[in-house]
Amino acid sequence: MSREKGPASPTPRKRAPRKAAVLVSAESAVSPFVGPEQRAALIAEAAFFRAESRGFAPGHEVEDWLAAESEVDAKLMLAVESGLPG
């Protein structure tokens, strides 16, 4: 019996291009109510109060900013979901 040989190396399969995921940032989701400047001011204020509560101990600036950003964005998203301005 004779065997038919296939190609020496398998032909690579072509993949369909991936569809880009649609991501909505918190900033763009709240844009009808709060502009980027006002959002940044709210975050700065919240970060200040976090630092103040620690006695302005150095070394936590980024941690304070990120926590304040998360807090402000959560409050803004809640306002958007409930239909209330900022």
Protein backbone atom coordinates (compact mmCIF):
# COMPACT_ATOMS: atom_id res chain seq x y z
CA MET A 1 0.00 0.00 0.00
CA SER A 2 1.30 3.42 -0.85
CA ARG A 3 1.00 6.28 1.54
CA GLU A 4 0.32 9.76 0.43
CA LYS A 5 2.55 12.28 2.02
CA GLY A 6 1.24 15.57 3.21
CA PRO A 7 3.25 18.76 3.18
CA ALA A 8 6.53 18.63 5.07
CA SER A 9 5.32 21.29 7.47
CA PRO A 10 1.71 21.97 8.32
CA THR A 11 0.18 25.01 6.71
CA PRO A 12 -0.40 27.69 9.35
CA ARG A 13 -4.02 28.55 9.83
CA LYS A 14 -5.03 32.11 9.33
CA ARG A 15 -6.85 33.64 12.22
CA ALA A 16 -9.64 36.12 11.94
CA PRO A 17 -8.69 39.53 13.29
CA ARG A 18 -9.73 40.10 16.88
CA LYS A 19 -12.50 42.51 17.55
CA ALA A 20 -11.46 45.33 19.77
CA ALA A 21 -13.20 45.41 23.11
CA VAL A 22 -15.25 48.49 23.74
CA LEU A 23 -14.17 50.07 26.99
CA VAL A 24 -15.88 53.04 28.53
CA SER A 25 -13.76 54.92 30.98
CA ALA A 26 -15.33 56.43 34.04
CA GLU A 27 -14.29 59.87 32.81
CA SER A 28 -16.14 59.55 29.51
CA ALA A 29 -19.17 58.01 31.21
CA VAL A 30 -19.64 61.06 33.44
CA SER A 31 -18.77 63.74 30.92
CA PRO A 32 -22.34 65.11 30.70
CA PHE A 33 -22.21 66.06 34.39
CA VAL A 34 -18.56 66.69 35.33
CA GLY A 35 -15.72 67.89 33.14
CA PRO A 36 -12.17 66.55 33.39
CA GLU A 37 -10.96 69.65 35.24
CA GLN A 38 -13.69 69.40 37.86
CA ARG A 39 -13.09 65.65 38.24
CA ALA A 40 -9.36 66.28 38.79
CA ALA A 41 -10.17 68.95 41.38
CA LEU A 42 -12.47 66.55 43.24
CA ILE A 43 -9.77 63.88 43.22
CA ALA A 44 -7.12 66.34 44.44
CA GLU A 45 -9.36 67.44 47.28
CA ALA A 46 -10.14 63.87 48.33
CA ALA A 47 -6.41 62.96 48.15
CA PHE A 48 -5.59 65.99 50.32
CA PHE A 49 -8.04 64.90 53.00
CA ARG A 50 -6.64 61.37 52.93
CA ALA A 51 -3.11 62.73 53.41
CA GLU A 52 -4.30 65.07 56.14
CA SER A 53 -5.88 62.19 58.06
CA ARG A 54 -2.44 60.49 58.09
CA GLY A 55 -0.69 63.65 59.26
CA PHE A 56 0.83 64.20 55.79
CA ALA A 57 3.29 61.32 56.29
CA PRO A 58 5.43 61.15 53.14
CA GLY A 59 5.52 58.19 50.80
CA HIS A 60 1.78 57.64 50.31
CA GLU A 61 1.05 60.28 47.67
CA VAL A 62 0.29 57.86 44.82
CA GLU A 63 -1.71 55.60 47.11
CA ASP A 64 -3.76 58.59 48.28
CA TRP A 65 -4.35 59.78 44.72
CA LEU A 66 -5.43 56.37 43.42
CA ALA A 67 -7.75 55.76 46.36
CA ALA A 68 -9.26 59.23 45.95
CA GLU A 69 -9.66 58.68 42.21
CA SER A 70 -11.49 55.41 42.83
CA GLU A 71 -13.71 57.03 45.46
CA VAL A 72 -14.60 60.02 43.28
CA ASP A 73 -15.26 57.89 40.20
CA ALA A 74 -17.53 55.58 42.20
CA LYS A 75 -19.52 58.55 43.49
CA LEU A 76 -19.75 60.08 40.02
CA MET A 77 -20.89 56.80 38.47
CA LEU A 78 -23.54 56.48 41.18
CA ALA A 79 -24.73 59.98 40.34
CA VAL A 80 -24.89 59.12 36.63
CA GLU A 81 -26.82 55.92 37.31
CA SER A 82 -29.31 57.73 39.51
CA GLY A 83 -29.63 60.59 37.02
CA LEU A 84 -28.38 63.28 39.36
CA PRO A 85 -25.85 65.87 38.27
CA GLY A 86 -22.36 65.53 39.91
